[in-house]
Amino acid sequence: MTAANQQIIIDEDELRAHVKSLTTAAELLGAAAKTAAGGVGQSAFGAMCGPLLGPAIDALADASESTLTAATALADATGTGLKGIVDAFGEIEDGAVKAFGTIEGEL
């Protein structure tokens, strides 16, 4: 895409690749959030350390899940928003190119 009146070149393929990267990141973060939600449990640390480490690790897992869920939403929303911007810019640019072509043909 090139903004016809300003000669600004916008690489649509690069932007769409970025959208794909954001979608992939959202999927990975979502999977990590689900994994963190599983918790570890006190039995993972044995009878002596379980009562001490279990609750601390569970609290860390809860905080991690919350952070990963927020990051998932952010990556997903950013990708969706960027895709909308690229699509809208493409439509506007196509219309501008067509209009300039019509004007040029009339001159």
PDB file of N, CA and C in Angstrom:
ATOM      1  N   MET A   1       0.846  -1.178   0.000  1.00  0.00           N
ATOM      2  CA  MET A   1       0.000   0.000   0.000  1.00  0.00           C
ATOM      3  C   MET A   1       0.888   1.236   0.000  1.00  0.00           C
ATOM      4  N   THR A   2       0.476   2.221  -0.744  1.00  0.00           N
ATOM      5  CA  THR A   2       1.189   3.495  -0.775  1.00  0.00           C
ATOM      6  C   THR A   2       0.162   4.602  -0.637  1.00  0.00           C
ATOM      7  N   ALA A   3       0.342   5.464   0.336  1.00  0.00           N
ATOM      8  CA  ALA A   3      -0.555   6.606   0.470  1.00  0.00           C
ATOM      9  C   ALA A   3      -0.289   7.509  -0.725  1.00  0.00           C
ATOM     10  N   ALA A   4      -1.253   7.585  -1.628  1.00  0.00           N
ATOM     11  CA  ALA A   4      -1.053   8.230  -2.922  1.00  0.00           C
ATOM     12  C   ALA A   4      -0.639   9.691  -2.809  1.00  0.00           C
ATOM     13  N   ASN A   5      -1.175  10.390  -1.845  1.00  0.00           N
ATOM     14  CA  ASN A   5      -0.882  11.822  -1.766  1.00  0.00           C
ATOM     15  C   ASN A   5       0.395  12.134  -1.002  1.00  0.00           C
ATOM     16  N   GLN A   6       0.961  11.189  -0.280  1.00  0.00           N
ATOM     17  CA  GLN A   6       2.142  11.477   0.531  1.00  0.00           C
ATOM     18  C   GLN A   6       3.324  10.571   0.216  1.00  0.00           C
ATOM     19  N   GLN A   7       3.133   9.625  -0.667  1.00  0.00           N
ATOM     20  CA  GLN A   7       4.185   8.675  -1.022  1.00  0.00           C
ATOM     21  C   GLN A   7       4.726   7.926   0.195  1.00  0.00           C
ATOM     22  N   ILE A   8       3.840   7.616   1.128  1.00  0.00           N
ATOM     23  CA  ILE A   8       4.208   6.803   2.283  1.00  0.00           C
ATOM     24  C   ILE A   8       3.951   5.348   1.899  1.00  0.00           C
ATOM     25  N   ILE A   9       4.960   4.532   1.991  1.00  0.00           N
ATOM     26  CA  ILE A   9       4.814   3.129   1.618  1.00  0.00           C
ATOM     27  C   ILE A   9       4.565   2.308   2.880  1.00  0.00           C
ATOM     28  N   ILE A  10       3.458   1.601   2.880  1.00  0.00           N
ATOM     29  CA  ILE A  10       3.090   0.735   3.996  1.00  0.00           C
ATOM     30  C   ILE A  10       3.089  -0.694   3.469  1.00  0.00           C
ATOM     31  N   ASP A  11       3.912  -1.540   4.039  1.00  0.00           N
ATOM     32  CA  ASP A  11       4.056  -2.916   3.584  1.00  0.00           C
ATOM     33  C   ASP A  11       2.946  -3.771   4.196  1.00  0.00           C
ATOM     34  N   GLU A  12       1.919  -4.013   3.401  1.00  0.00           N
ATOM     35  CA  GLU A  12       0.765  -4.771   3.887  1.00  0.00           C
ATOM     36  C   GLU A  12       1.154  -6.194   4.277  1.00  0.00           C
ATOM     37  N   ASP A  13       2.044  -6.806   3.516  1.00  0.00           N
ATOM     38  CA  ASP A  13       2.482  -8.167   3.843  1.00  0.00           C
ATOM     39  C   ASP A  13       3.175  -8.211   5.202  1.00  0.00           C
ATOM     40  N   GLU A  14       3.988  -7.194   5.471  1.00  0.00           N
ATOM     41  CA  GLU A  14       4.685  -7.118   6.762  1.00  0.00           C
ATOM     42  C   GLU A  14       3.682  -6.953   7.906  1.00  0.00           C
ATOM     43  N   LEU A  15       2.682  -6.114   7.695  1.00  0.00           N
ATOM     44  CA  LEU A  15       1.666  -5.904   8.732  1.00  0.00           C
ATOM     45  C   LEU A  15       0.842  -7.169   8.955  1.00  0.00           C
ATOM     46  N   ARG A  16       0.500  -7.855   7.881  1.00  0.00           N
ATOM     47  CA  ARG A  16      -0.272  -9.098   8.026  1.00  0.00           C
ATOM     48  C   ARG A  16       0.573 -10.184   8.707  1.00  0.00           C
ATOM     49  N   ALA A  17       1.874 -10.190   8.462  1.00  0.00           N
ATOM     50  CA  ALA A  17       2.766 -11.124   9.163  1.00  0.00           C
ATOM     51  C   ALA A  17       2.784 -10.801  10.658  1.00  0.00           C
ATOM     52  N   HIS A  18       2.739  -9.517  10.976  1.00  0.00           N
ATOM     53  CA  HIS A  18       2.702  -9.111  12.384  1.00  0.00           C
ATOM     54  C   HIS A  18       1.387  -9.554  13.030  1.00  0.00           C
ATOM     55  N   VAL A  19       0.285  -9.437  12.306  1.00  0.00           N
ATOM     56  CA  VAL A  19      -1.009  -9.918  12.814  1.00  0.00           C
ATOM     57  C   VAL A  19      -0.918 -11.412  13.105  1.00  0.00           C
ATOM     58  N   LYS A  20      -0.299 -12.162  12.184  1.00  0.00           N
ATOM     59  CA  LYS A  20      -0.149 -13.610  12.381  1.00  0.00           C
ATOM     60  C   LYS A  20       0.708 -13.898  13.614  1.00  0.00           C
ATOM     61  N   SER A  21       1.774 -13.125  13.799  1.00  0.00           N
ATOM     62  CA  SER A  21       2.633 -13.302  14.980  1.00  0.00           C
ATOM     63  C   SER A  21       1.861 -13.036  16.265  1.00  0.00           C
ATOM     64  N   LEU A  22       1.027 -12.006  16.252  1.00  0.00           N
ATOM     65  CA  LEU A  22       0.218 -11.693  17.435  1.00  0.00           C
ATOM     66  C   LEU A  22      -0.792 -12.805  17.715  1.00  0.00           C
ATOM     67  N   THR A  23      -1.375 -13.355  16.668  1.00  0.00           N
ATOM     68  CA  THR A  23      -2.325 -14.459  16.836  1.00  0.00           C
ATOM     69  C   THR A  23      -1.619 -15.679  17.426  1.00  0.00           C
ATOM     70  N   THR A  24      -0.435 -15.978  16.922  1.00  0.00           N
ATOM     71  CA  THR A  24       0.355 -17.094  17.446  1.00  0.00           C
ATOM     72  C   THR A  24       0.726 -16.855  18.907  1.00  0.00           C
ATOM     73  N   ALA A  25       1.136 -15.627  19.218  1.00  0.00           N
ATOM     74  CA  ALA A  25       1.483 -15.290  20.603  1.00  0.00           C
ATOM     75  C   ALA A  25       0.275 -15.461  21.516  1.00  0.00           C
ATOM     76  N   ALA A  26      -0.892 -15.027  21.059  1.00  0.00           N
ATOM     77  CA  ALA A  26      -2.106 -15.168  21.867  1.00  0.00           C
ATOM     78  C   ALA A  26      -2.414 -16.639  22.131  1.00  0.00           C
ATOM     79  N   GLU A  27      -2.223 -17.484  21.116  1.00  0.00           N
ATOM     80  CA  GLU A  27      -2.468 -18.916  21.296  1.00  0.00           C
ATOM     81  C   GLU A  27      -1.491 -19.527  22.303  1.00  0.00           C
ATOM     82  N   LEU A  28      -0.217 -19.168  22.186  1.00  0.00           N
ATOM     83  CA  LEU A  28       0.794 -19.690  23.119  1.00  0.00           C
ATOM     84  C   LEU A  28       0.545 -19.203  24.543  1.00  0.00           C
ATOM     85  N   LEU A  29       0.217 -17.932  24.679  1.00  0.00           N
ATOM     86  CA  LEU A  29      -0.062 -17.385  26.010  1.00  0.00           C
ATOM     87  C   LEU A  29      -1.306 -18.029  26.613  1.00  0.00           C
ATOM     88  N   GLY A  30      -2.312 -18.252  25.779  1.00  0.00           N
ATOM     89  CA  GLY A  30      -3.527 -18.914  26.257  1.00  0.00           C
ATOM     90  C   GLY A  30      -3.244 -20.327  26.754  1.00  0.00           C
ATOM     91  N   ALA A  31      -2.416 -21.049  26.008  1.00  0.00           N
ATOM     92  CA  ALA A  31      -2.041 -22.405  26.428  1.00  0.00           C
ATOM     93  C   ALA A  31      -1.257 -22.374  27.734  1.00  0.00           C
ATOM     94  N   ALA A  32      -0.368 -21.403  27.869  1.00  0.00           N
ATOM     95  CA  ALA A  32       0.408 -21.271  29.110  1.00  0.00           C
ATOM     96  C   ALA A  32      -0.498 -20.929  30.285  1.00  0.00           C
ATOM     97  N   ALA A  33      -1.507 -20.088  30.049  1.00  0.00           N
ATOM     98  CA  ALA A  33      -2.449 -19.730  31.118  1.00  0.00           C
ATOM     99  C   ALA A  33      -3.220 -20.963  31.584  1.00  0.00           C
ATOM    100  N   LYS A  34      -3.626 -21.809  30.630  1.00  0.00           N
ATOM    101  CA  LYS A  34      -4.343 -23.034  30.999  1.00  0.00           C
ATOM    102  C   LYS A  34      -3.445 -23.969  31.803  1.00  0.00           C
ATOM    103  N   THR A  35      -2.180 -24.041  31.422  1.00  0.00           N
ATOM    104  CA  THR A  35      -1.228 -24.880  32.151  1.00  0.00           C
ATOM    105  C   THR A  35      -1.031 -24.352  33.569  1.00  0.00           C
ATOM    106  N   ALA A  36      -0.889 -23.049  33.704  1.00  0.00           N
ATOM    107  CA  ALA A  36      -0.697 -22.442  35.029  1.00  0.00           C
ATOM    108  C   ALA A  36      -1.923 -22.647  35.907  1.00  0.00           C
ATOM    109  N   ALA A  37      -3.096 -22.713  35.287  1.00  0.00           N
ATOM    110  CA  ALA A  37      -4.334 -22.880  36.056  1.00  0.00           C
ATOM    111  C   ALA A  37      -4.410 -24.254  36.713  1.00  0.00           C
ATOM    112  N   GLY A  38      -3.656 -25.213  36.191  1.00  0.00           N
ATOM    113  CA  GLY A  38      -3.700 -26.563  36.740  1.00  0.00           C
ATOM    114  C   GLY A  38      -3.134 -26.671  38.139  1.00  0.00           C
ATOM    115  N   GLY A  39      -2.234 -25.771  38.493  1.00  0.00           N
ATOM    116  CA  GLY A  39      -1.621 -25.839  39.819  1.00  0.00           C
ATOM    117  C   GLY A  39      -0.692 -27.032  39.937  1.00  0.00           C
ATOM    118  N   VAL A  40      -0.007 -27.095  41.057  1.00  0.00           N
ATOM    119  CA  VAL A  40       0.957 -28.170  41.289  1.00  0.00           C
ATOM    120  C   VAL A  40       0.465 -29.103  42.391  1.00  0.00           C
ATOM    121  N   GLY A  41      -0.047 -28.532  43.443  1.00  0.00           N
ATOM    122  CA  GLY A  41      -0.505 -29.340  44.569  1.00  0.00           C
ATOM    123  C   GLY A  41       0.605 -29.604  45.567  1.00  0.00           C
ATOM    124  N   GLN A  42       0.216 -29.810  46.802  1.00  0.00           N
ATOM    125  CA  GLN A  42       1.193 -29.999  47.876  1.00  0.00           C
ATOM    126  C   GLN A  42       1.944 -31.311  47.761  1.00  0.00           C
ATOM    127  N   SER A  43       1.324 -32.316  47.182  1.00  0.00           N
ATOM    128  CA  SER A  43       1.967 -33.631  47.112  1.00  0.00           C
ATOM    129  C   SER A  43       3.215 -33.619  46.227  1.00  0.00           C
ATOM    130  N   ALA A  44       3.342 -32.633  45.367  1.00  0.00           N
ATOM    131  CA  ALA A  44       4.509 -32.558  44.483  1.00  0.00           C
ATOM    132  C   ALA A  44       5.795 -32.278  45.253  1.00  0.00           C
ATOM    133  N   PHE A  45       5.679 -31.770  46.471  1.00  0.00           N
ATOM    134  CA  PHE A  45       6.863 -31.379  47.237  1.00  0.00           C
ATOM    135  C   PHE A  45       7.143 -32.308  48.414  1.00  0.00           C
ATOM    136  N   GLY A  46       6.388 -33.366  48.533  1.00  0.00           N
ATOM    137  CA  GLY A  46       6.617 -34.314  49.619  1.00  0.00           C
ATOM    138  C   GLY A  46       5.906 -33.899  50.895  1.00  0.00           C
ATOM    139  N   ALA A  47       5.947 -34.800  51.874  1.00  0.00           N
ATOM    140  CA  ALA A  47       5.215 -34.591  53.129  1.00  0.00           C
ATOM    141  C   ALA A  47       5.787 -33.446  53.953  1.00  0.00           C
ATOM    142  N   MET A  48       7.097 -33.272  53.936  1.00  0.00           N
ATOM    143  CA  MET A  48       7.701 -32.234  54.778  1.00  0.00           C
ATOM    144  C   MET A  48       7.609 -30.840  54.141  1.00  0.00           C
ATOM    145  N   CYS A  49       7.867 -30.745  52.862  1.00  0.00           N
ATOM    146  CA  CYS A  49       7.899 -29.425  52.207  1.00  0.00           C
ATOM    147  C   CYS A  49       6.549 -29.021  51.618  1.00  0.00           C
ATOM    148  N   GLY A  50       5.680 -29.982  51.394  1.00  0.00           N
ATOM    149  CA  GLY A  50       4.392 -29.704  50.766  1.00  0.00           C
ATOM    150  C   GLY A  50       3.578 -28.623  51.444  1.00  0.00           C
ATOM    151  N   PRO A  51       3.383 -28.704  52.773  1.00  0.00           N
ATOM    152  CA  PRO A  51       2.575 -27.682  53.439  1.00  0.00           C
ATOM    153  C   PRO A  51       3.177 -26.276  53.350  1.00  0.00           C
ATOM    154  N   LEU A  52       4.479 -26.186  53.209  1.00  0.00           N
ATOM    155  CA  LEU A  52       5.136 -24.878  53.113  1.00  0.00           C
ATOM    156  C   LEU A  52       5.181 -24.371  51.671  1.00  0.00           C
ATOM    157  N   LEU A  53       5.644 -25.211  50.765  1.00  0.00           N
ATOM    158  CA  LEU A  53       5.827 -24.781  49.380  1.00  0.00           C
ATOM    159  C   LEU A  53       4.549 -24.826  48.551  1.00  0.00           C
ATOM    160  N   GLY A  54       3.679 -25.765  48.837  1.00  0.00           N
ATOM    161  CA  GLY A  54       2.447 -25.915  48.055  1.00  0.00           C
ATOM    162  C   GLY A  54       1.641 -24.633  47.933  1.00  0.00           C
ATOM    163  N   PRO A  55       1.266 -24.008  49.055  1.00  0.00           N
ATOM    164  CA  PRO A  55       0.480 -22.775  48.960  1.00  0.00           C
ATOM    165  C   PRO A  55       1.225 -21.636  48.252  1.00  0.00           C
ATOM    166  N   ALA A  56       2.532 -21.549  48.463  1.00  0.00           N
ATOM    167  CA  ALA A  56       3.308 -20.489  47.805  1.00  0.00           C
ATOM    168  C   ALA A  56       3.332 -20.696  46.292  1.00  0.00           C
ATOM    169  N   ILE A  57       3.530 -21.927  45.882  1.00  0.00           N
ATOM    170  CA  ILE A  57       3.561 -22.227  44.449  1.00  0.00           C
ATOM    171  C   ILE A  57       2.176 -22.045  43.843  1.00  0.00           C
ATOM    172  N   ASP A  58       1.131 -22.428  44.567  1.00  0.00           N
ATOM    173  CA  ASP A  58      -0.231 -22.222  44.070  1.00  0.00           C
ATOM    174  C   ASP A  58      -0.533 -20.737  43.893  1.00  0.00           C
ATOM    175  N   ALA A  59      -0.075 -19.915  44.836  1.00  0.00           N
ATOM    176  CA  ALA A  59      -0.275 -18.464  44.715  1.00  0.00           C
ATOM    177  C   ALA A  59       0.465 -17.926  43.493  1.00  0.00           C
ATOM    178  N   LEU A  60       1.668 -18.418  43.271  1.00  0.00           N
ATOM    179  CA  LEU A  60       2.442 -18.011  42.095  1.00  0.00           C
ATOM    180  C   LEU A  60       1.737 -18.457  40.811  1.00  0.00           C
ATOM    181  N   ALA A  61       1.201 -19.661  40.817  1.00  0.00           N
ATOM    182  CA  ALA A  61       0.479 -20.165  39.644  1.00  0.00           C
ATOM    183  C   ALA A  61      -0.755 -19.314  39.368  1.00  0.00           C
ATOM    184  N   ASP A  62      -1.476 -18.923  40.428  1.00  0.00           N
ATOM    185  CA  ASP A  62      -2.656 -18.070  40.249  1.00  0.00           C
ATOM    186  C   ASP A  62      -2.279 -16.719  39.648  1.00  0.00           C
ATOM    187  N   ALA A  63      -1.210 -16.122  40.166  1.00  0.00           N
ATOM    188  CA  ALA A  63      -0.751 -14.834  39.638  1.00  0.00           C
ATOM    189  C   ALA A  63      -0.275 -14.986  38.196  1.00  0.00           C
ATOM    190  N   SER A  64       0.401 -16.083  37.905  1.00  0.00           N
ATOM    191  CA  SER A  64       0.875 -16.333  36.545  1.00  0.00           C
ATOM    192  C   SER A  64      -0.295 -16.509  35.594  1.00  0.00           C
ATOM    193  N   GLU A  65      -1.295 -17.252  36.026  1.00  0.00           N
ATOM    194  CA  GLU A  65      -2.474 -17.458  35.185  1.00  0.00           C
ATOM    195  C   GLU A  65      -3.147 -16.128  34.874  1.00  0.00           C
ATOM    196  N   SER A  66      -3.301 -15.301  35.883  1.00  0.00           N
ATOM    197  CA  SER A  66      -3.936 -13.998  35.688  1.00  0.00           C
ATOM    198  C   SER A  66      -3.149 -13.136  34.704  1.00  0.00           C
ATOM    199  N   THR A  67      -1.840 -13.103  34.870  1.00  0.00           N
ATOM    200  CA  THR A  67      -0.984 -12.313  33.978  1.00  0.00           C
ATOM    201  C   THR A  67      -1.018 -12.860  32.557  1.00  0.00           C
ATOM    202  N   LEU A  68      -0.940 -14.166  32.422  1.00  0.00           N
ATOM    203  CA  LEU A  68      -0.963 -14.782  31.097  1.00  0.00           C
ATOM    204  C   LEU A  68      -2.311 -14.595  30.411  1.00  0.00           C
ATOM    205  N   THR A  69      -3.388 -14.634  31.176  1.00  0.00           N
ATOM    206  CA  THR A  69      -4.713 -14.402  30.611  1.00  0.00           C
ATOM    207  C   THR A  69      -4.826 -12.972  30.095  1.00  0.00           C
ATOM    208  N   ALA A  70      -4.314 -12.020  30.866  1.00  0.00           N
ATOM    209  CA  ALA A  70      -4.330 -10.619  30.426  1.00  0.00           C
ATOM    210  C   ALA A  70      -3.462 -10.432  29.182  1.00  0.00           C
ATOM    211  N   ALA A  71      -2.301 -11.073  29.154  1.00  0.00           N
ATOM    212  CA  ALA A  71      -1.414 -10.970  27.989  1.00  0.00           C
ATOM    213  C   ALA A  71      -2.058 -11.599  26.752  1.00  0.00           C
ATOM    214  N   THR A  72      -2.781 -12.692  26.949  1.00  0.00           N
ATOM    215  CA  THR A  72      -3.503 -13.329  25.851  1.00  0.00           C
ATOM    216  C   THR A  72      -4.527 -12.372  25.265  1.00  0.00           C
ATOM    217  N   ALA A  73      -5.306 -11.754  26.139  1.00  0.00           N
ATOM    218  CA  ALA A  73      -6.326 -10.805  25.682  1.00  0.00           C
ATOM    219  C   ALA A  73      -5.692  -9.622  24.960  1.00  0.00           C
ATOM    220  N   LEU A  74      -4.579  -9.132  25.481  1.00  0.00           N
ATOM    221  CA  LEU A  74      -3.890  -8.001  24.861  1.00  0.00           C
ATOM    222  C   LEU A  74      -3.370  -8.365  23.471  1.00  0.00           C
ATOM    223  N   ALA A  75      -2.704  -9.503  23.341  1.00  0.00           N
ATOM    224  CA  ALA A  75      -2.173  -9.921  22.040  1.00  0.00           C
ATOM    225  C   ALA A  75      -3.300 -10.152  21.043  1.00  0.00           C
ATOM    226  N   ASP A  76      -4.381 -10.766  21.508  1.00  0.00           N
ATOM    227  CA  ASP A  76      -5.522 -11.029  20.636  1.00  0.00           C
ATOM    228  C   ASP A  76      -6.174  -9.725  20.174  1.00  0.00           C
ATOM    229  N   ALA A  77      -6.400  -8.808  21.101  1.00  0.00           N
ATOM    230  CA  ALA A  77      -7.029  -7.532  20.751  1.00  0.00           C
ATOM    231  C   ALA A  77      -6.134  -6.700  19.838  1.00  0.00           C
ATOM    232  N   THR A  78      -4.832  -6.720  20.087  1.00  0.00           N
ATOM    233  CA  THR A  78      -3.900  -5.970  19.244  1.00  0.00           C
ATOM    234  C   THR A  78      -3.892  -6.533  17.827  1.00  0.00           C
ATOM    235  N   GLY A  79      -3.856  -7.854  17.705  1.00  0.00           N
ATOM    236  CA  GLY A  79      -3.890  -8.482  16.387  1.00  0.00           C
ATOM    237  C   GLY A  79      -5.181  -8.179  15.646  1.00  0.00           C
ATOM    238  N   THR A  80      -6.305  -8.255  16.349  1.00  0.00           N
ATOM    239  CA  THR A  80      -7.600  -7.957  15.739  1.00  0.00           C
ATOM    240  C   THR A  80      -7.668  -6.496  15.299  1.00  0.00           C
ATOM    241  N   GLY A  81      -7.200  -5.607  16.164  1.00  0.00           N
ATOM    242  CA  GLY A  81      -7.209  -4.184  15.833  1.00  0.00           C
ATOM    243  C   GLY A  81      -6.311  -3.866  14.654  1.00  0.00           C
ATOM    244  N   LEU A  82      -5.110  -4.450  14.640  1.00  0.00           N
ATOM    245  CA  LEU A  82      -4.178  -4.195  13.541  1.00  0.00           C
ATOM    246  C   LEU A  82      -4.734  -4.724  12.227  1.00  0.00           C
ATOM    247  N   LYS A  83      -5.361  -5.891  12.259  1.00  0.00           N
ATOM    248  CA  LYS A  83      -5.967  -6.441  11.045  1.00  0.00           C
ATOM    249  C   LYS A  83      -7.047  -5.502  10.528  1.00  0.00           C
ATOM    250  N   GLY A  84      -7.855  -4.972  11.423  1.00  0.00           N
ATOM    251  CA  GLY A  84      -8.900  -4.032  11.020  1.00  0.00           C
ATOM    252  C   GLY A  84      -8.321  -2.775  10.391  1.00  0.00           C
ATOM    253  N   ILE A  85      -7.229  -2.282  10.967  1.00  0.00           N
ATOM    254  CA  ILE A  85      -6.576  -1.086  10.431  1.00  0.00           C
ATOM    255  C   ILE A  85      -6.016  -1.361   9.036  1.00  0.00           C
ATOM    256  N   VAL A  86      -5.343  -2.493   8.871  1.00  0.00           N
ATOM    257  CA  VAL A  86      -4.763  -2.839   7.568  1.00  0.00           C
ATOM    258  C   VAL A  86      -5.865  -2.986   6.524  1.00  0.00           C
ATOM    259  N   ASP A  87      -6.949  -3.679   6.884  1.00  0.00           N
ATOM    260  CA  ASP A  87      -8.065  -3.856   5.954  1.00  0.00           C
ATOM    261  C   ASP A  87      -8.683  -2.512   5.571  1.00  0.00           C
ATOM    262  N   ALA A  88      -8.926  -1.660   6.567  1.00  0.00           N
ATOM    263  CA  ALA A  88      -9.544  -0.352   6.307  1.00  0.00           C
ATOM    264  C   ALA A  88      -8.629   0.526   5.462  1.00  0.00           C
ATOM    265  N   PHE A  89      -7.343   0.542   5.787  1.00  0.00           N
ATOM    266  CA  PHE A  89      -6.407   1.356   5.017  1.00  0.00           C
ATOM    267  C   PHE A  89      -6.363   0.881   3.570  1.00  0.00           C
ATOM    268  N   GLY A  90      -6.362  -0.428   3.378  1.00  0.00           N
ATOM    269  CA  GLY A  90      -6.351  -0.976   2.020  1.00  0.00           C
ATOM    270  C   GLY A  90      -7.562  -0.533   1.223  1.00  0.00           C
ATOM    271  N   GLU A  91      -8.734  -0.569   1.849  1.00  0.00           N
ATOM    272  CA  GLU A  91      -9.955  -0.137   1.166  1.00  0.00           C
ATOM    273  C   GLU A  91      -9.907   1.352   0.833  1.00  0.00           C
ATOM    274  N   ILE A  92      -9.476   2.153   1.785  1.00  0.00           N
ATOM    275  CA  ILE A  92      -9.386   3.597   1.561  1.00  0.00           C
ATOM    276  C   ILE A  92      -8.363   3.895   0.468  1.00  0.00           C
ATOM    277  N   GLU A  93      -7.232   3.232   0.527  1.00  0.00           N
ATOM    278  CA  GLU A  93      -6.179   3.461  -0.467  1.00  0.00           C
ATOM    279  C   GLU A  93      -6.637   3.045  -1.854  1.00  0.00           C
ATOM    280  N   ASP A  94      -7.310   1.907  -1.946  1.00  0.00           N
ATOM    281  CA  ASP A  94      -7.823   1.472  -3.247  1.00  0.00           C
ATOM    282  C   ASP A  94      -8.800   2.495  -3.810  1.00  0.00           C
ATOM    283  N   GLY A  95      -9.656   3.028  -2.955  1.00  0.00           N
ATOM    284  CA  GLY A  95     -10.602   4.065  -3.386  1.00  0.00           C
ATOM    285  C   GLY A  95      -9.897   5.327  -3.843  1.00  0.00           C
ATOM    286  N   ALA A  96      -8.850   5.717  -3.117  1.00  0.00           N
ATOM    287  CA  ALA A  96      -8.099   6.922  -3.485  1.00  0.00           C
ATOM    288  C   ALA A  96      -7.385   6.729  -4.816  1.00  0.00           C
ATOM    289  N   VAL A  97      -6.772   5.576  -5.004  1.00  0.00           N
ATOM    290  CA  VAL A  97      -6.073   5.299  -6.265  1.00  0.00           C
ATOM    291  C   VAL A  97      -7.062   5.323  -7.425  1.00  0.00           C
ATOM    292  N   LYS A  98      -8.223   4.738  -7.216  1.00  0.00           N
ATOM    293  CA  LYS A  98      -9.256   4.724  -8.253  1.00  0.00           C
ATOM    294  C   LYS A  98      -9.720   6.146  -8.567  1.00  0.00           C
ATOM    295  N   ALA A  99      -9.940   6.943  -7.521  1.00  0.00           N
ATOM    296  CA  ALA A  99     -10.384   8.329  -7.720  1.00  0.00           C
ATOM    297  C   ALA A  99      -9.325   9.144  -8.449  1.00  0.00           C
ATOM    298  N   PHE A 100      -8.064   8.995  -8.047  1.00  0.00           N
ATOM    299  CA  PHE A 100      -6.990   9.727  -8.728  1.00  0.00           C
ATOM    300  C   PHE A 100      -6.862   9.276 -10.185  1.00  0.00           C
ATOM    301  N   GLY A 101      -7.048   7.985 -10.422  1.00  0.00           N
ATOM    302  CA  GLY A 101      -6.999   7.480 -11.796  1.00  0.00           C
ATOM    303  C   GLY A 101      -8.108   8.060 -12.646  1.00  0.00           C
ATOM    304  N   THR A 102      -9.290   8.187 -12.069  1.00  0.00           N
ATOM    305  CA  THR A 102     -10.421   8.777 -12.781  1.00  0.00           C
ATOM    306  C   THR A 102     -10.150  10.237 -13.101  1.00  0.00           C
ATOM    307  N   ILE A 103      -9.646  10.966 -12.119  1.00  0.00           N
ATOM    308  CA  ILE A 103      -9.323  12.384 -12.322  1.00  0.00           C
ATOM    309  C   ILE A 103      -8.245  12.525 -13.392  1.00  0.00           C
ATOM    310  N   GLU A 104      -7.228  11.683 -13.311  1.00  0.00           N
ATOM    311  CA  GLU A 104      -6.134  11.739 -14.282  1.00  0.00           C
ATOM    312  C   GLU A 104      -6.645  11.448 -15.690  1.00  0.00           C
ATOM    313  N   GLY A 105      -7.573  10.498 -15.806  1.00  0.00           N
ATOM    314  CA  GLY A 105      -8.141  10.154 -17.107  1.00  0.00           C
ATOM    315  C   GLY A 105      -8.976  11.274 -17.698  1.00  0.00           C
ATOM    316  N   GLU A 106      -9.541  12.119 -16.854  1.00  0.00           N
ATOM    317  CA  GLU A 106     -10.368  13.233 -17.319  1.00  0.00           C
ATOM    318  C   GLU A 106      -9.536  14.441 -17.718  1.00  0.00           C
ATOM    319  N   LEU A 107      -8.290  14.485 -17.267  1.00  0.00           N
ATOM    320  CA  LEU A 107      -7.444  15.641 -17.593  1.00  0.00           C
ATOM    321  C   LEU A 107      -6.864  15.494 -18.937  1.00  0.00           C
TER     322      LEU A 107
END
